[in-house]
């Protein structure tokens, strides 16, 4: 089962996908309008996703779903909510 995020990421050309992933991995979360609308609990979950991505060794692509699920469980939110945030804020 492909999530919305995986579907969108898999539709990106490979070079663009790697570039986007590396930019996200090596940078801080983009604190755009969607991030500002999140509840404090969701902001914590999103921050944890970034933290785990930054601390996970390569290859990261296959581990993203597990990272999202771990952060969702830790913060008591739905993984779909995190994926929707990623869709709305990061993959445009």
C-alpha atoms as a PDB file:
ATOM      1  CA  UNK A   1       0.000   0.000   0.000  1.00  0.00           C
ATOM      2  CA  UNK A   2       1.483   3.289  -1.086  1.00  0.00           C
ATOM      3  CA  UNK A   3       0.762   6.329   0.999  1.00  0.00           C
ATOM      4  CA  UNK A   4       0.022   9.697  -0.570  1.00  0.00           C
ATOM      5  CA  UNK A   5       3.540  10.848   0.321  1.00  0.00           C
ATOM      6  CA  UNK A   6       5.193   7.801  -1.225  1.00  0.00           C
ATOM      7  CA  UNK A   7       3.063   8.171  -4.353  1.00  0.00           C
ATOM      8  CA  UNK A   8       4.031  11.802  -4.779  1.00  0.00           C
ATOM      9  CA  UNK A   9       7.676  11.139  -3.979  1.00  0.00           C
ATOM     10  CA  UNK A  10       7.741   8.193  -6.386  1.00  0.00           C
ATOM     11  CA  UNK A  11       6.355  10.395  -9.164  1.00  0.00           C
ATOM     12  CA  UNK A  12       9.270  12.803  -8.853  1.00  0.00           C
ATOM     13  CA  UNK A  13      12.190  12.281 -11.217  1.00  0.00           C
ATOM     14  CA  UNK A  14      14.926  10.441  -9.319  1.00  0.00           C
ATOM     15  CA  UNK A  15      17.430  13.312  -9.296  1.00  0.00           C
ATOM     16  CA  UNK A  16      14.811  15.758  -8.060  1.00  0.00           C
ATOM     17  CA  UNK A  17      13.639  13.257  -5.425  1.00  0.00           C
ATOM     18  CA  UNK A  18      17.196  12.816  -4.079  1.00  0.00           C
ATOM     19  CA  UNK A  19      17.771  16.567  -4.094  1.00  0.00           C
ATOM     20  CA  UNK A  20      14.515  17.222  -2.212  1.00  0.00           C
ATOM     21  CA  UNK A  21      15.220  14.471   0.309  1.00  0.00           C
ATOM     22  CA  UNK A  22      18.764  15.696   0.946  1.00  0.00           C
ATOM     23  CA  UNK A  23      17.618  19.284   1.336  1.00  0.00           C
ATOM     24  CA  UNK A  24      14.989  18.218   3.843  1.00  0.00           C
ATOM     25  CA  UNK A  25      17.379  15.909   5.638  1.00  0.00           C
ATOM     26  CA  UNK A  26      20.129  18.477   5.993  1.00  0.00           C
ATOM     27  CA  UNK A  27      17.903  21.409   6.827  1.00  0.00           C
ATOM     28  CA  UNK A  28      15.451  22.441   9.424  1.00  0.00           C
ATOM     29  CA  UNK A  29      11.744  21.977   8.910  1.00  0.00           C
ATOM     30  CA  UNK A  30      10.210  24.595   6.690  1.00  0.00           C
ATOM     31  CA  UNK A  31       8.031  26.524   9.077  1.00  0.00           C
ATOM     32  CA  UNK A  32       5.497  27.586   6.491  1.00  0.00           C
ATOM     33  CA  UNK A  33       1.854  28.425   6.827  1.00  0.00           C
ATOM     34  CA  UNK A  34       0.783  24.787   7.207  1.00  0.00           C
ATOM     35  CA  UNK A  35       3.244  24.240  10.075  1.00  0.00           C
ATOM     36  CA  UNK A  36       1.993  27.335  11.862  1.00  0.00           C
ATOM     37  CA  UNK A  37      -1.576  25.977  11.730  1.00  0.00           C
ATOM     38  CA  UNK A  38      -0.634  22.735  13.508  1.00  0.00           C
ATOM     39  CA  UNK A  39      -1.469  21.975  17.106  1.00  0.00           C
ATOM     40  CA  UNK A  40       1.451  21.813  19.549  1.00  0.00           C
ATOM     41  CA  UNK A  41       1.163  17.999  19.564  1.00  0.00           C
ATOM     42  CA  UNK A  42       1.414  17.820  15.759  1.00  0.00           C
ATOM     43  CA  UNK A  43       4.336  20.255  15.754  1.00  0.00           C
ATOM     44  CA  UNK A  44       6.114  17.919  18.165  1.00  0.00           C
ATOM     45  CA  UNK A  45       5.409  14.958  15.901  1.00  0.00           C
ATOM     46  CA  UNK A  46       6.700  16.809  12.830  1.00  0.00           C
ATOM     47  CA  UNK A  47       9.820  17.920  14.702  1.00  0.00           C
ATOM     48  CA  UNK A  48      10.434  14.305  15.735  1.00  0.00           C
ATOM     49  CA  UNK A  49      10.084  13.141  12.125  1.00  0.00           C
ATOM     50  CA  UNK A  50      12.795  15.611  11.092  1.00  0.00           C
ATOM     51  CA  UNK A  51      14.995  14.640  14.024  1.00  0.00           C
ATOM     52  CA  UNK A  52      14.719  10.936  13.214  1.00  0.00           C
ATOM     53  CA  UNK A  53      15.400  11.572   9.519  1.00  0.00           C
ATOM     54  CA  UNK A  54      18.508  13.570  10.397  1.00  0.00           C
ATOM     55  CA  UNK A  55      19.772  10.799  12.698  1.00  0.00           C
ATOM     56  CA  UNK A  56      19.031   7.843  10.401  1.00  0.00           C
ATOM     57  CA  UNK A  57      21.847   6.476   8.261  1.00  0.00           C
ATOM     58  CA  UNK A  58      21.403   5.984   4.520  1.00  0.00           C
ATOM     59  CA  UNK A  59      19.489   4.600   2.745  1.00  0.00           C
ATOM     60  CA  UNK A  60      16.663   6.614   4.226  1.00  0.00           C
ATOM     61  CA  UNK A  61      13.964   6.212   1.574  1.00  0.00           C
ATOM     62  CA  UNK A  62      12.753   2.828   2.815  1.00  0.00           C
ATOM     63  CA  UNK A  63      12.673   4.027   6.421  1.00  0.00           C
ATOM     64  CA  UNK A  64      10.477   7.106   6.049  1.00  0.00           C
ATOM     65  CA  UNK A  65       7.192   5.276   6.609  1.00  0.00           C
ATOM     66  CA  UNK A  66       8.521   3.710   9.823  1.00  0.00           C
ATOM     67  CA  UNK A  67       9.754   7.095  11.028  1.00  0.00           C
ATOM     68  CA  UNK A  68       6.334   8.639  10.425  1.00  0.00           C
ATOM     69  CA  UNK A  69       4.576   5.783  12.209  1.00  0.00           C
ATOM     70  CA  UNK A  70       6.957   5.969  15.188  1.00  0.00           C
ATOM     71  CA  UNK A  71       6.441   9.725  15.602  1.00  0.00           C
ATOM     72  CA  UNK A  72       2.667   9.348  15.224  1.00  0.00           C
ATOM     73  CA  UNK A  73       2.512   6.665  17.903  1.00  0.00           C
ATOM     74  CA  UNK A  74       4.777   8.619  20.274  1.00  0.00           C
ATOM     75  CA  UNK A  75       2.640  11.752  20.020  1.00  0.00           C
ATOM     76  CA  UNK A  76      -0.761  10.063  19.795  1.00  0.00           C
ATOM     77  CA  UNK A  77      -1.579  11.361  16.328  1.00  0.00           C
ATOM     78  CA  UNK A  78      -2.518   9.580  13.117  1.00  0.00           C
ATOM     79  CA  UNK A  79       0.252   8.831  10.639  1.00  0.00           C
ATOM     80  CA  UNK A  80      -2.161  10.030   7.927  1.00  0.00           C
ATOM     81  CA  UNK A  81      -2.164  13.466   9.574  1.00  0.00           C
ATOM     82  CA  UNK A  82       1.632  13.622   9.352  1.00  0.00           C
ATOM     83  CA  UNK A  83       1.528  12.448   5.741  1.00  0.00           C
ATOM     84  CA  UNK A  84      -1.106  15.071   4.934  1.00  0.00           C
ATOM     85  CA  UNK A  85       1.119  17.741   6.478  1.00  0.00           C
ATOM     86  CA  UNK A  86       4.020  16.572   4.330  1.00  0.00           C
ATOM     87  CA  UNK A  87       1.782  16.626   1.259  1.00  0.00           C
ATOM     88  CA  UNK A  88       0.534  20.141   2.019  1.00  0.00           C
ATOM     89  CA  UNK A  89       3.739  21.763   3.204  1.00  0.00           C
ATOM     90  CA  UNK A  90       6.725  20.011   1.738  1.00  0.00           C
ATOM     91  CA  UNK A  91       5.822  18.390  -1.560  1.00  0.00           C
ATOM     92  CA  UNK A  92       4.326  21.050  -3.748  1.00  0.00           C
END
